[in-house]
Amino acid sequence: MTTTLITPKGEITLPAEIREKYGFDDWGLLSVIDMGDGSILLKPYESELTKTAEQMRKRLEEDGVTLDDILQTLDEVRKEMFKERYGNIGSRNS
């Protein structure tokens, strides 16, 4: 167990070993959880968006989907949606 100081502004310094272990470089967000028994749990913060993006990245990687595949599909879908919404407006073939 390590002891640290809390400043009048509520700032604390995490020991270097802890920062290194959990990958806090310059800045990092922590979730602060009141355990209700006088204990406080500090946990690296991870947003739901970050979790979902990481899950998607892993799944796409497992399925062999590349960034180029995604960009090509997005371009095709964009063109289809434009055509559905606006017809052949702006088409060079009309």
Protein backbone atom coordinates (compact mmCIF):
# COMPACT_ATOMS: atom_id res chain seq x y z
CA MET A 1 0.00 0.00 0.00
CA THR A 2 1.19 3.51 -0.84
CA THR A 3 0.25 6.78 0.83
CA THR A 4 -0.33 9.94 -1.18
CA LEU A 5 -1.32 13.51 -0.40
CA ILE A 6 -4.56 15.23 -1.37
CA THR A 7 -4.18 18.97 -1.93
CA PRO A 8 -6.68 21.64 -0.84
CA LYS A 9 -7.90 21.66 -4.47
CA GLY A 10 -8.63 17.91 -4.28
CA GLU A 11 -5.69 16.91 -6.44
CA ILE A 12 -3.80 13.71 -5.76
CA THR A 13 -0.60 12.31 -7.18
CA LEU A 14 -0.58 8.68 -8.20
CA PRO A 15 2.73 6.93 -7.62
CA ALA A 16 4.86 6.48 -10.74
CA GLU A 17 4.61 2.67 -10.53
CA ILE A 18 0.82 2.85 -10.72
CA ARG A 19 0.86 5.37 -13.58
CA GLU A 20 3.28 3.19 -15.55
CA LYS A 21 1.38 -0.04 -14.81
CA TYR A 22 -1.90 1.39 -16.13
CA GLY A 23 -0.48 3.51 -18.95
CA PHE A 24 -1.14 7.02 -17.68
CA ASP A 25 1.30 9.24 -19.54
CA ASP A 26 0.61 12.96 -19.25
CA TRP A 27 -3.14 13.03 -18.65
CA GLY A 28 -5.70 10.36 -17.96
CA LEU A 29 -9.26 10.07 -16.80
CA LEU A 30 -10.23 8.01 -13.79
CA SER A 31 -13.61 6.82 -12.64
CA VAL A 32 -14.05 7.53 -8.93
CA ILE A 33 -16.25 4.99 -7.19
CA ASP A 34 -17.42 5.52 -3.61
CA MET A 35 -17.46 2.06 -2.06
CA GLY A 36 -19.67 3.31 0.77
CA ASP A 37 -17.46 2.04 3.57
CA GLY A 38 -14.99 4.94 3.56
CA SER A 39 -13.08 3.42 0.64
CA ILE A 40 -12.73 5.05 -2.76
CA LEU A 41 -11.87 3.05 -5.87
CA LEU A 42 -10.00 4.76 -8.72
CA LYS A 43 -10.39 2.95 -12.01
CA PRO A 44 -9.11 3.91 -15.48
CA TYR A 45 -12.03 5.52 -17.28
CA GLU A 46 -13.20 3.96 -20.51
CA SER A 47 -16.20 5.41 -22.32
CA GLU A 48 -18.89 3.20 -23.79
CA LEU A 49 -17.96 4.61 -27.19
CA THR A 50 -14.34 3.50 -26.74
CA LYS A 51 -15.43 0.02 -25.61
CA THR A 52 -17.79 -0.36 -28.57
CA ALA A 53 -15.19 0.88 -31.06
CA GLU A 54 -12.64 -1.61 -29.70
CA GLN A 55 -15.15 -4.47 -29.96
CA MET A 56 -15.91 -3.48 -33.56
CA ARG A 57 -12.20 -3.23 -34.40
CA LYS A 58 -11.53 -6.73 -33.02
CA ARG A 59 -14.51 -8.22 -34.86
CA LEU A 60 -13.57 -6.61 -38.18
CA GLU A 61 -9.97 -7.75 -37.74
CA GLU A 62 -11.14 -11.33 -37.02
CA ASP A 63 -13.30 -11.22 -40.17
CA GLY A 64 -10.41 -9.92 -42.26
CA VAL A 65 -12.13 -6.62 -43.08
CA THR A 66 -9.65 -3.86 -43.95
CA LEU A 67 -9.97 -0.09 -43.77
CA ASP A 68 -10.01 -0.01 -47.59
CA ASP A 69 -12.96 -2.44 -47.57
CA ILE A 70 -14.88 -0.17 -45.20
CA LEU A 71 -14.12 3.00 -47.17
CA GLN A 72 -15.15 1.37 -50.46
CA THR A 73 -18.41 0.13 -48.94
CA LEU A 74 -19.14 3.54 -47.43
CA ASP A 75 -18.62 5.19 -50.82
CA GLU A 76 -20.98 2.69 -52.49
CA VAL A 77 -23.66 3.15 -49.81
CA ARG A 78 -23.33 6.94 -49.98
CA LYS A 79 -23.92 6.84 -53.75
CA GLU A 80 -26.92 4.51 -53.33
CA MET A 81 -28.47 6.73 -50.66
CA PHE A 82 -27.92 9.85 -52.75
CA LYS A 83 -29.60 8.20 -55.74
CA GLU A 84 -32.56 7.04 -53.60
CA ARG A 85 -33.03 10.51 -52.16
CA TYR A 86 -32.31 12.73 -55.17
CA GLY A 87 -32.64 10.45 -58.18
CA ASN A 88 -30.22 11.21 -61.00
CA ILE A 89 -29.62 14.85 -60.03
CA GLY A 90 -26.05 15.71 -60.81
CA SER A 91 -25.51 12.51 -62.78
CA ARG A 92 -23.33 12.99 -65.82
CA ASN A 93 -25.27 10.25 -67.63
CA SER A 94 -28.67 11.99 -67.49
